[in-house]
C-alpha atoms as a PDB file:
ATOM      1  CA  MET A   1      99.530 213.768 -19.093  1.00  0.00           C
ATOM      2  CA  THR A   2      99.613 214.845 -22.070  1.00  0.00           C
ATOM      3  CA  TYR A   3      96.134 213.321 -23.773  1.00  0.00           C
ATOM      4  CA  SER A   4      97.384 211.389 -27.101  1.00  0.00           C
ATOM      5  CA  GLY A   5      94.237 209.352 -27.851  1.00  0.00           C
ATOM      6  CA  VAL A   6      96.579 206.178 -28.955  1.00  0.00           C
ATOM      7  CA  VAL A   7      95.111 203.562 -26.914  1.00  0.00           C
ATOM      8  CA  LYS A   8      95.048 199.375 -27.175  1.00  0.00           C
ATOM      9  CA  VAL A   9      93.059 196.437 -25.831  1.00  0.00           C
ATOM     10  CA  GLY A  10      93.447 195.621 -22.637  1.00  0.00           C
ATOM     11  CA  GLY A  11      95.398 198.862 -21.784  1.00  0.00           C
ATOM     12  CA  PRO A  12      94.253 201.606 -19.739  1.00  0.00           C
ATOM     13  CA  ALA A  13      92.156 204.498 -20.446  1.00  0.00           C
ATOM     14  CA  ASP A  14      93.725 207.919 -21.657  1.00  0.00           C
ATOM     15  CA  VAL A  15      91.720 210.727 -20.517  1.00  0.00           C
ATOM     16  CA  HIS A  16      91.463 214.114 -21.929  1.00  0.00           C
ATOM     17  CA  GLU A  17      90.660 216.665 -19.374  1.00  0.00           C
ATOM     18  CA  LEU A  18      89.074 219.530 -20.628  1.00  0.00           C
ATOM     19  CA  THR A  19      87.359 222.237 -18.616  1.00  0.00           C
ATOM     20  CA  ASP A  20      83.459 221.027 -18.037  1.00  0.00           C
ATOM     21  CA  LEU A  21      84.423 217.391 -19.546  1.00  0.00           C
ATOM     22  CA  MET A  22      87.030 214.710 -18.447  1.00  0.00           C
ATOM     23  CA  ILE A  23      86.607 212.402 -21.596  1.00  0.00           C
ATOM     24  CA  SER A  24      88.514 208.421 -21.307  1.00  0.00           C
ATOM     25  CA  LYS A  25      88.848 206.992 -24.725  1.00  0.00           C
ATOM     26  CA  VAL A  26      89.459 202.879 -24.126  1.00  0.00           C
ATOM     27  CA  THR A  27      89.597 200.440 -26.997  1.00  0.00           C
ATOM     28  CA  VAL A  28      88.116 196.665 -27.134  1.00  0.00           C
ATOM     29  CA  GLY A  29      88.502 193.834 -29.072  1.00  0.00           C
ATOM     30  CA  PRO A  30      88.151 191.525 -31.465  1.00  0.00           C
ATOM     31  CA  MET A  31      87.656 194.704 -34.058  1.00  0.00           C
ATOM     32  CA  ASP A  32      89.155 197.262 -31.763  1.00  0.00           C
ATOM     33  CA  ASN A  33      86.308 199.688 -31.301  1.00  0.00           C
ATOM     34  CA  ASN A  34      86.782 202.885 -29.515  1.00  0.00           C
ATOM     35  CA  CYS A  35      84.715 203.032 -26.487  1.00  0.00           C
ATOM     36  CA  TYR A  36      84.303 207.352 -24.555  1.00  0.00           C
ATOM     37  CA  LEU A  37      83.563 207.992 -21.930  1.00  0.00           C
ATOM     38  CA  LEU A  38      81.885 211.507 -20.621  1.00  0.00           C
ATOM     39  CA  ARG A  39      82.130 212.861 -17.941  1.00  0.00           C
ATOM     40  CA  CYS A  40      80.595 216.119 -16.592  1.00  0.00           C
ATOM     41  CA  ARG A  41      83.126 218.080 -14.032  1.00  0.00           C
ATOM     42  CA  ALA A  42      80.357 219.865 -12.627  1.00  0.00           C
ATOM     43  CA  THR A  43      77.542 217.100 -11.557  1.00  0.00           C
ATOM     44  CA  GLY A  44      79.851 213.657 -12.055  1.00  0.00           C
ATOM     45  CA  GLU A  45      76.972 212.370 -14.841  1.00  0.00           C
ATOM     46  CA  GLN A  46      78.280 210.201 -16.922  1.00  0.00           C
ATOM     47  CA  LEU A  47      77.130 209.150 -20.724  1.00  0.00           C
ATOM     48  CA  LEU A  48      79.249 206.423 -22.648  1.00  0.00           C
ATOM     49  CA  ILE A  49      79.313 206.432 -26.464  1.00  0.00           C
ATOM     50  CA  ASP A  50      79.310 202.958 -27.976  1.00  0.00           C
ATOM     51  CA  ALA A  51      79.350 199.879 -25.782  1.00  0.00           C
ATOM     52  CA  ALA A  52      81.016 198.021 -28.226  1.00  0.00           C
ATOM     53  CA  ASN A  53      82.569 195.001 -26.814  1.00  0.00           C
ATOM     54  CA  ASP A  54      84.156 193.744 -23.384  1.00  0.00           C
ATOM     55  CA  PRO A  55      81.437 195.044 -20.684  1.00  0.00           C
ATOM     56  CA  GLN A  56      84.356 193.962 -18.105  1.00  0.00           C
ATOM     57  CA  THR A  57      86.399 196.713 -19.446  1.00  0.00           C
ATOM     58  CA  LEU A  58      83.128 199.106 -19.645  1.00  0.00           C
ATOM     59  CA  LEU A  59      81.593 198.821 -16.343  1.00  0.00           C
ATOM     60  CA  GLN A  60      85.551 198.755 -14.927  1.00  0.00           C
ATOM     61  CA  LEU A  61      85.976 202.434 -16.697  1.00  0.00           C
ATOM     62  CA  ILE A  62      82.723 203.260 -16.074  1.00  0.00           C
ATOM     63  CA  GLY A  63      83.706 202.743 -12.650  1.00  0.00           C
ATOM     64  CA  ASP A  64      80.684 203.083  -9.015  1.00  0.00           C
ATOM     65  CA  ASP A  65      79.456 206.202 -10.262  1.00  0.00           C
ATOM     66  CA  SER A  66      77.532 204.380 -13.314  1.00  0.00           C
ATOM     67  CA  ILE A  67      76.275 206.520 -16.288  1.00  0.00           C
ATOM     68  CA  ALA A  68      73.084 208.112 -16.775  1.00  0.00           C
ATOM     69  CA  SER A  69      72.682 207.092 -21.224  1.00  0.00           C
ATOM     70  CA  VAL A  70      74.649 205.330 -23.766  1.00  0.00           C
ATOM     71  CA  VAL A  71      74.702 206.585 -27.148  1.00  0.00           C
ATOM     72  CA  THR A  72      75.559 203.927 -30.122  1.00  0.00           C
ATOM     73  CA  THR A  73      76.952 205.628 -33.017  1.00  0.00           C
ATOM     74  CA  HIS A  74      75.386 203.101 -35.692  1.00  0.00           C
ATOM     75  CA  ARG A  75      73.869 200.377 -35.844  1.00  0.00           C
ATOM     76  CA  HIS A  76      76.611 197.965 -37.021  1.00  0.00           C
ATOM     77  CA  GLY A  77      76.609 195.184 -35.026  1.00  0.00           C
ATOM     78  CA  ASP A  78      80.387 195.493 -33.752  1.00  0.00           C
ATOM     79  CA  HIS A  79      79.081 198.657 -31.546  1.00  0.00           C
ATOM     80  CA  TRP A  80      77.123 197.439 -29.469  1.00  0.00           C
ATOM     81  CA  GLN A  81      77.737 193.884 -28.716  1.00  0.00           C
ATOM     82  CA  ALA A  82      78.150 194.482 -24.878  1.00  0.00           C
ATOM     83  CA  LEU A  83      74.906 197.001 -25.090  1.00  0.00           C
ATOM     84  CA  GLY A  84      72.923 194.375 -23.226  1.00  0.00           C
ATOM     85  CA  GLU A  85      74.864 193.433 -20.496  1.00  0.00           C
ATOM     86  CA  VAL A  86      76.097 197.499 -19.804  1.00  0.00           C
ATOM     87  CA  VAL A  87      72.679 198.832 -19.496  1.00  0.00           C
ATOM     88  CA  ALA A  88      71.436 195.698 -17.703  1.00  0.00           C
ATOM     89  CA  ALA A  89      73.835 196.594 -14.966  1.00  0.00           C
ATOM     90  CA  THR A  90      73.741 200.437 -15.219  1.00  0.00           C
ATOM     91  CA  GLY A  91      69.606 200.819 -15.856  1.00  0.00           C
ATOM     92  CA  ALA A  92      71.273 203.624 -18.382  1.00  0.00           C
ATOM     93  CA  ARG A  93      69.003 205.403 -21.226  1.00  0.00           C
ATOM     94  CA  THR A  94      69.667 204.493 -24.599  1.00  0.00           C
ATOM     95  CA  TYR A  95      70.083 206.727 -27.538  1.00  0.00           C
ATOM     96  CA  ALA A  96      70.543 205.980 -31.258  1.00  0.00           C
ATOM     97  CA  GLY A  97      69.985 207.372 -34.933  1.00  0.00           C
ATOM     98  CA  ALA A  98      66.276 207.538 -35.660  1.00  0.00           C
ATOM     99  CA  LEU A  99      66.712 205.548 -38.943  1.00  0.00           C
ATOM    100  CA  ASP A 100      70.008 202.665 -37.016  1.00  0.00           C
ATOM    101  CA  ALA A 101      67.558 202.407 -34.409  1.00  0.00           C
ATOM    102  CA  GLU A 102      65.736 199.709 -35.481  1.00  0.00           C
ATOM    103  CA  GLY A 103      68.626 197.724 -36.235  1.00  0.00           C
ATOM    104  CA  ILE A 104      70.018 197.655 -32.529  1.00  0.00           C
ATOM    105  CA  PRO A 105      68.700 194.553 -30.829  1.00  0.00           C
ATOM    106  CA  VAL A 106      68.856 196.569 -27.405  1.00  0.00           C
ATOM    107  CA  PRO A 107      65.369 198.863 -27.467  1.00  0.00           C
ATOM    108  CA  THR A 108      66.267 202.637 -27.925  1.00  0.00           C
ATOM    109  CA  ASP A 109      64.825 205.200 -25.066  1.00  0.00           C
ATOM    110  CA  VAL A 110      65.618 207.562 -27.719  1.00  0.00           C
ATOM    111  CA  ARG A 111      65.084 208.007 -30.897  1.00  0.00           C
ATOM    112  CA  VAL A 112      67.644 211.327 -32.219  1.00  0.00           C
ATOM    113  CA  ASN A 113      67.442 213.484 -35.781  1.00  0.00           C
ATOM    114  CA  ASP A 114      69.754 215.792 -36.795  1.00  0.00           C
ATOM    115  CA  LEU A 115      70.677 218.554 -34.602  1.00  0.00           C
ATOM    116  CA  ASP A 116      68.959 217.252 -31.690  1.00  0.00           C
ATOM    117  CA  THR A 117      70.629 217.746 -27.969  1.00  0.00           C
ATOM    118  CA  ILE A 118      71.789 215.103 -25.788  1.00  0.00           C
ATOM    119  CA  LEU A 119      73.154 216.104 -22.344  1.00  0.00           C
ATOM    120  CA  VAL A 120      75.194 214.975 -20.158  1.00  0.00           C
ATOM    121  CA  GLY A 121      75.030 216.363 -17.119  1.00  0.00           C
ATOM    122  CA  ARG A 122      75.578 220.744 -17.789  1.00  0.00           C
ATOM    123  CA  VAL A 123      76.916 219.583 -20.420  1.00  0.00           C
ATOM    124  CA  GLU A 124      75.038 219.644 -24.274  1.00  0.00           C
ATOM    125  CA  LEU A 125      76.014 217.669 -27.000  1.00  0.00           C
ATOM    126  CA  THR A 126      74.449 218.602 -30.661  1.00  0.00           C
ATOM    127  CA  ALA A 127      73.472 215.271 -32.842  1.00  0.00           C
ATOM    128  CA  ARG A 128      74.430 215.451 -36.466  1.00  0.00           C
ATOM    129  CA  HIS A 129      72.572 212.822 -38.526  1.00  0.00           C
ATOM    130  CA  LEU A 130      75.233 211.480 -41.426  1.00  0.00           C
ATOM    131  CA  VAL A 131      73.886 209.418 -44.144  1.00  0.00           C
ATOM    132  CA  GLY A 132      76.067 206.511 -46.366  1.00  0.00           C
ATOM    133  CA  HIS A 133      77.778 204.478 -43.960  1.00  0.00           C
ATOM    134  CA  THR A 134      74.482 203.675 -42.192  1.00  0.00           C
ATOM    135  CA  PRO A 135      71.214 205.262 -42.762  1.00  0.00           C
ATOM    136  CA  GLY A 136      71.207 206.537 -39.195  1.00  0.00           C
ATOM    137  CA  SER A 137      74.530 207.219 -38.893  1.00  0.00           C
ATOM    138  CA  ILE A 138      74.979 210.105 -35.450  1.00  0.00           C
ATOM    139  CA  ALA A 139      77.920 212.145 -34.656  1.00  0.00           C
ATOM    140  CA  LEU A 140      78.355 214.098 -32.087  1.00  0.00           C
ATOM    141  CA  VAL A 141      79.498 217.429 -31.381  1.00  0.00           C
ATOM    142  CA  PHE A 142      80.567 219.201 -28.194  1.00  0.00           C
ATOM    143  CA  ASP A 143      81.056 222.836 -28.774  1.00  0.00           C
ATOM    144  CA  ASP A 144      83.480 223.418 -25.875  1.00  0.00           C
ATOM    145  CA  PRO A 145      83.230 227.237 -24.997  1.00  0.00           C
ATOM    146  CA  HIS A 146      85.859 226.849 -23.531  1.00  0.00           C
ATOM    147  CA  GLY A 147      88.092 225.974 -26.372  1.00  0.00           C
ATOM    148  CA  HIS A 148      87.738 224.142 -29.874  1.00  0.00           C
ATOM    149  CA  PRO A 149      85.294 221.504 -30.370  1.00  0.00           C
ATOM    150  CA  HIS A 150      85.144 217.881 -30.076  1.00  0.00           C
ATOM    151  CA  VAL A 151      83.435 215.299 -32.381  1.00  0.00           C
ATOM    152  CA  PHE A 152      82.463 211.776 -31.468  1.00  0.00           C
ATOM    153  CA  THR A 153      82.359 210.599 -35.406  1.00  0.00           C
ATOM    154  CA  GLY A 154      82.198 206.436 -34.952  1.00  0.00           C
ATOM    155  CA  ASP A 155      82.238 205.156 -38.314  1.00  0.00           C
ATOM    156  CA  CYS A 156      82.112 207.850 -40.671  1.00  0.00           C
ATOM    157  CA  LEU A 157      84.917 210.171 -40.328  1.00  0.00           C
ATOM    158  CA  PHE A 158      88.669 208.558 -39.466  1.00  0.00           C
ATOM    159  CA  PRO A 159      91.884 209.967 -40.440  1.00  0.00           C
ATOM    160  CA  GLY A 160      92.874 209.581 -43.740  1.00  0.00           C
ATOM    161  CA  GLY A 161      88.881 209.692 -45.171  1.00  0.00           C
ATOM    162  CA  VAL A 162      85.157 208.458 -44.170  1.00  0.00           C
ATOM    163  CA  GLY A 163      83.651 205.303 -42.941  1.00  0.00           C
ATOM    164  CA  ASN A 164      83.215 202.458 -45.141  1.00  0.00           C
ATOM    165  CA  THR A 165      80.622 202.717 -47.408  1.00  0.00           C
ATOM    166  CA  ARG A 166      81.019 199.140 -49.081  1.00  0.00           C
ATOM    167  CA  LYS A 167      82.121 200.285 -53.056  1.00  0.00           C
ATOM    168  CA  ASP A 168      78.494 202.099 -53.845  1.00  0.00           C
ATOM    169  CA  PRO A 169      78.969 205.345 -55.385  1.00  0.00           C
ATOM    170  CA  GLU A 170      75.763 207.079 -54.053  1.00  0.00           C
ATOM    171  CA  ALA A 171      76.464 205.869 -50.141  1.00  0.00           C
ATOM    172  CA  PHE A 172      79.773 206.861 -50.353  1.00  0.00           C
ATOM    173  CA  ALA A 173      78.783 210.786 -52.244  1.00  0.00           C
ATOM    174  CA  ASN A 174      76.184 211.151 -49.592  1.00  0.00           C
ATOM    175  CA  LEU A 175      78.658 210.290 -46.710  1.00  0.00           C
ATOM    176  CA  LEU A 176      81.455 212.768 -48.431  1.00  0.00           C
ATOM    177  CA  HIS A 177      78.460 215.556 -49.084  1.00  0.00           C
ATOM    178  CA  ASP A 178      77.341 215.133 -44.945  1.00  0.00           C
ATOM    179  CA  VAL A 179      80.561 215.542 -43.416  1.00  0.00           C
ATOM    180  CA  GLU A 180      81.701 217.635 -45.557  1.00  0.00           C
ATOM    181  CA  THR A 181      78.513 220.687 -44.883  1.00  0.00           C
ATOM    182  CA  LYS A 182      77.431 219.536 -41.051  1.00  0.00           C
ATOM    183  CA  LEU A 183      81.362 218.577 -39.863  1.00  0.00           C
ATOM    184  CA  PHE A 184      83.972 220.561 -42.391  1.00  0.00           C
ATOM    185  CA  ALA A 185      81.789 223.888 -43.179  1.00  0.00           C
ATOM    186  CA  PRO A 186      80.605 224.726 -39.340  1.00  0.00           C
ATOM    187  CA  LEU A 187      83.366 223.406 -37.557  1.00  0.00           C
ATOM    188  CA  PRO A 188      87.304 225.333 -37.773  1.00  0.00           C
ATOM    189  CA  ASP A 189      90.843 223.124 -37.767  1.00  0.00           C
ATOM    190  CA  GLU A 190      91.447 222.802 -34.491  1.00  0.00           C
ATOM    191  CA  THR A 191      88.016 220.422 -34.219  1.00  0.00           C
ATOM    192  CA  TRP A 192      89.113 217.127 -32.440  1.00  0.00           C
ATOM    193  CA  VAL A 193      87.997 214.034 -34.282  1.00  0.00           C
ATOM    194  CA  TYR A 194      87.327 211.094 -31.967  1.00  0.00           C
ATOM    195  CA  PRO A 195      86.299 207.900 -34.524  1.00  0.00           C
ATOM    196  CA  GLY A 196      85.051 204.971 -33.777  1.00  0.00           C
ATOM    197  CA  HIS A 197      88.000 202.896 -34.782  1.00  0.00           C
ATOM    198  CA  GLY A 198      92.068 203.494 -34.350  1.00  0.00           C
ATOM    199  CA  LYS A 199      93.378 207.334 -33.887  1.00  0.00           C
ATOM    200  CA  ASP A 200      92.042 210.682 -33.399  1.00  0.00           C
ATOM    201  CA  THR A 201      92.248 213.399 -35.538  1.00  0.00           C
ATOM    202  CA  THR A 202      91.411 216.946 -36.349  1.00  0.00           C
ATOM    203  CA  LEU A 203      89.124 218.618 -38.764  1.00  0.00           C
ATOM    204  CA  GLY A 204      92.641 220.793 -39.549  1.00  0.00           C
ATOM    205  CA  ALA A 205      94.768 217.590 -40.679  1.00  0.00           C
ATOM    206  CA  GLU A 206      91.852 215.940 -42.610  1.00  0.00           C
ATOM    207  CA  ARG A 207      90.584 219.216 -44.652  1.00  0.00           C
ATOM    208  CA  PRO A 208      93.159 219.464 -47.162  1.00  0.00           C
ATOM    209  CA  HIS A 209      92.488 215.895 -48.340  1.00  0.00           C
ATOM    210  CA  LEU A 210      88.904 215.843 -48.637  1.00  0.00           C
ATOM    211  CA  SER A 211      89.301 216.989 -52.682  1.00  0.00           C
ATOM    212  CA  GLU A 212      91.774 213.705 -52.911  1.00  0.00           C
ATOM    213  CA  TRP A 213      88.563 210.997 -51.174  1.00  0.00           C
ATOM    214  CA  ARG A 214      85.977 212.631 -53.956  1.00  0.00           C
ATOM    215  CA  GLU A 215      88.586 211.690 -56.808  1.00  0.00           C
ATOM    216  CA  ARG A 216      89.331 208.402 -54.972  1.00  0.00           C
ATOM    217  CA  GLY A 217      85.460 207.538 -54.438  1.00  0.00           C
ATOM    218  CA  TRP A 218      86.439 205.971 -51.028  1.00  0.00           C
END
């Protein structure tokens, strides 16, 4: 089956099969948050991005092989409602951006800074610190040696624009700057974007609209 990235609450996961990594995407209510399970194909080790809600769905997705770690992309409550239950059930190590960790009620084992790496089995993810949606939001980049990069952006980049900056011009300017310099500048158009809500996109699909976003201010 071809991966589309289109999922719905209560529906099955959509699975993106890469040479080294399997990426399973589900969405959970009540705010249609996307959660991503990454599985190293060489070792079977698994990592979850955003234990947003509905721990039963997430634990079923994780399965008997459990997870070694769970990464929270940012401090907003809709991205960690199931974190405590998932960690209690799996014993997973927790990761979050260094500047957002204090806003997450489940203790963060590893505070992540820009360009830190997180391993899932033999697969390396590079964290990019993006300021504006929250002080410590992080995106995770997998630079696939067999293809194009893949980036998990939390609520910092979506189809059609950057994340919500609450009509704060400074926050918007900071977020657009970080997204442009840390994602669009170093990564190619083919880079697949997995956001915290909604459908996937690519950097190539969004790149032509950067000036529009700057002009409109959101």
